Amino acid sequence: MARVTVEDCVDKVPNRFDLVLLAAHRAREISSGAPLTVDRDNDKNPVVALREVAEETQSADELRERMIESNQTQIEVDEPEDDAMALLMGGAEPDKPQDDDMSEEKLLRALMEAQGQG
């Protein structure tokens, strides 16, 4: 049964290595309790995962995105960055250029004040 399933999936995911990775990821999702999108028919999780790809109840692109997200250790969040050093060095606007001529003593004092120790 699995061999026929692999042959059915090759037109959805042409690279067999990618197919194996995606099906393995989906099989792990099923093992951890994800709902099935096809009938089990007494098949094991890897075969069910291949059948889901073959019947396109699980999109290869969506599976790939979920697999990438599950392997990420650090997720980047797009937030605007404030130039904290420019704010510390004199309260200037981050967009405006400012002198870089600050002594170590002034910089240390500004850092201590920012931490509430000044």
Protein backbone atom coordinates (compact mmCIF):
# COMPACT_ATOMS: atom_id res chain seq x y z
CA MET A 1 0.00 0.00 0.00
CA ALA A 2 2.75 2.48 0.90
CA ARG A 3 4.51 2.08 -2.43
CA VAL A 4 1.35 2.98 -4.33
CA THR A 5 0.88 5.93 -1.96
CA VAL A 6 4.40 7.22 -2.67
CA GLU A 7 3.75 6.97 -6.40
CA ASP A 8 0.53 8.93 -5.90
CA CYS A 9 2.42 11.68 -4.04
CA VAL A 10 5.26 12.20 -6.51
CA ASP A 11 3.12 14.46 -8.70
CA LYS A 12 2.29 16.62 -5.63
CA VAL A 13 5.89 16.71 -4.26
CA PRO A 14 8.30 15.82 -7.10
CA ASN A 15 11.37 15.53 -4.88
CA ARG A 16 11.15 12.22 -3.00
CA PHE A 17 13.46 13.47 -0.27
CA ASP A 18 11.14 16.42 0.40
CA LEU A 19 8.19 14.03 0.34
CA VAL A 20 9.79 11.83 3.01
CA LEU A 21 10.55 14.86 5.21
CA LEU A 22 7.03 16.24 4.90
CA ALA A 23 5.35 12.87 5.47
CA ALA A 24 7.57 12.18 8.50
CA HIS A 25 6.68 15.57 9.96
CA ARG A 26 2.97 14.95 9.37
CA ALA A 27 3.24 11.46 10.91
CA ARG A 28 4.77 13.05 14.05
CA GLU A 29 1.92 15.56 14.13
CA ILE A 30 -0.58 12.70 13.94
CA SER A 31 1.26 10.84 16.71
CA SER A 32 1.02 13.89 18.94
CA GLY A 33 -2.74 14.12 18.47
CA ALA A 34 -3.37 16.19 15.33
CA PRO A 35 -6.72 15.36 13.71
CA LEU A 36 -6.70 13.12 10.63
CA THR A 37 -7.97 14.49 7.34
CA VAL A 38 -8.52 11.04 5.75
CA ASP A 39 -9.85 7.75 7.11
CA ARG A 40 -7.22 5.68 8.87
CA ASP A 41 -8.28 2.35 7.27
CA ASN A 42 -6.06 0.45 9.74
CA ASP A 43 -2.92 2.18 8.33
CA LYS A 44 -0.01 3.42 10.39
CA ASN A 45 0.75 7.11 10.74
CA PRO A 46 3.37 7.38 7.93
CA VAL A 47 0.97 5.79 5.44
CA VAL A 48 -1.87 8.03 6.59
CA ALA A 49 0.43 11.05 6.15
CA LEU A 50 1.31 9.97 2.60
CA ARG A 51 -2.37 9.43 1.80
CA GLU A 52 -3.16 12.92 3.08
CA VAL A 53 -0.54 14.39 0.74
CA ALA A 54 -1.75 12.25 -2.17
CA GLU A 55 -5.38 13.27 -1.68
CA GLU A 56 -4.31 16.90 -1.10
CA THR A 57 -6.11 17.17 2.23
CA GLN A 58 -2.73 18.41 3.51
CA SER A 59 -1.01 20.92 1.24
CA ALA A 60 2.71 20.37 0.71
CA ASP A 61 3.33 24.11 1.15
CA GLU A 62 1.43 24.24 4.46
CA LEU A 63 3.24 21.12 5.70
CA ARG A 64 6.58 22.67 4.72
CA GLU A 65 5.77 25.88 6.64
CA ARG A 66 4.70 23.94 9.74
CA MET A 67 7.84 21.81 9.55
CA ILE A 68 10.04 24.92 9.31
CA GLU A 69 8.24 26.57 12.24
CA SER A 70 8.61 23.46 14.38
CA ASN A 71 12.37 23.38 13.76
CA GLN A 72 12.97 27.06 14.47
CA THR A 73 14.66 27.81 17.75
CA GLN A 74 14.28 31.59 17.56
CA ILE A 75 11.34 33.30 15.95
CA GLU A 76 12.04 36.80 14.73
CA VAL A 77 9.43 39.41 15.45
CA ASP A 78 9.22 42.40 13.16
CA GLU A 79 9.23 45.34 15.53
CA PRO A 80 10.53 48.84 14.92
CA GLU A 81 13.91 49.31 16.52
CA ASP A 82 14.57 52.34 18.67
CA ASP A 83 18.04 53.70 18.76
CA ALA A 84 18.36 53.40 22.52
CA MET A 85 21.94 54.65 22.55
CA ALA A 86 20.93 57.87 20.78
CA LEU A 87 18.17 58.38 23.33
CA LEU A 88 20.61 57.78 26.18
CA MET A 89 23.18 60.14 24.76
CA GLY A 90 20.99 63.19 25.03
CA GLY A 91 17.35 62.43 24.45
CA ALA A 92 17.60 63.17 20.75
CA GLU A 93 15.20 61.80 18.21
CA PRO A 94 16.43 58.48 16.73
CA ASP A 95 16.07 59.81 13.19
CA LYS A 96 18.14 62.96 13.77
CA PRO A 97 21.94 62.83 13.53
CA GLN A 98 23.79 63.59 16.74
CA ASP A 99 27.34 64.18 17.90
CA ASP A 100 29.32 61.07 18.66
CA ASP A 101 31.59 63.16 20.88
CA MET A 102 30.52 61.90 24.29
CA SER A 103 33.10 61.12 26.92
CA GLU A 104 33.15 57.81 28.75
CA GLU A 105 32.16 59.58 31.93
CA LYS A 106 29.05 61.13 30.33
CA LEU A 107 28.12 57.82 28.75
CA LEU A 108 28.52 55.95 32.05
CA ARG A 109 26.46 58.62 33.85
CA ALA A 110 23.71 58.34 31.22
CA LEU A 111 23.64 54.56 31.50
CA MET A 112 23.48 54.71 35.31
CA GLU A 113 20.62 57.22 35.16
CA ALA A 114 18.76 55.04 32.67
CA GLN A 115 19.03 52.11 35.09
CA GLY A 116 17.86 54.27 37.98
CA GLN A 117 21.16 54.18 39.80
CA GLY A 118 22.11 57.77 39.26
